[in-house]
């Protein structure tokens, strides 16, 4: 029963956390519309391969990580900058003369490794999972003795995979049905979303560390 609970809790937290429009979802969507589902799944396997270890080690060392204020501050500051970098990348790619080009077209022959690289750059997942793991442990929502922690981690990466596939396919369906989104999603809406996220995270960062 505890094993099943670990899997379900991990799945639920990770599924909900993967639904918001993060950059890995956007890259996955870009890969999907350019190369298809098979390549996208390979990319997602690379993403969750990294996430497995991030969740596992943040689960083991949650208390130590949350106390490392300098590390958390660096991660949060870098994440603000990264949002603006991504906004520029997507905007500049939309101006490319080759409309069939992909942002990562040179790397889609190796989608698994692209997923590894980009997921490794997603530093914000460290405080995200550290905070969630502490909350779940302190609330006795999960049990991590012996092998039970592995079932929790497997539940989380399965939740991430299903959540990302759901969002990518939903975005594809919506853009297919809406000419406006098909025309402006990648070259206007997505860059604006990243700029907004960067501003939002920047304000939070300033308020948190300016005192």
Foldseek 3Di string as FASTA:
>chain_A
DQLVLLLVVLLVVQLVVQQPDDPLLVLLLLCCVQPHDVLSLLLLLLLLVVVLVLLVVLLVCLVVVVPPVVLLLVLLVVLLVVLLVVLVLLQVVCPDPPNSDTSPNVCSVPSSVVSNVVSVVNSVVNVVSSVVSVVCVVVVSHDPPDPSVSSNSVSNSVSNSVSSVVNSVVLVVVCVVDVVCVSPVRNPVSSVVSNVVSVVSVVVSCVVPVD
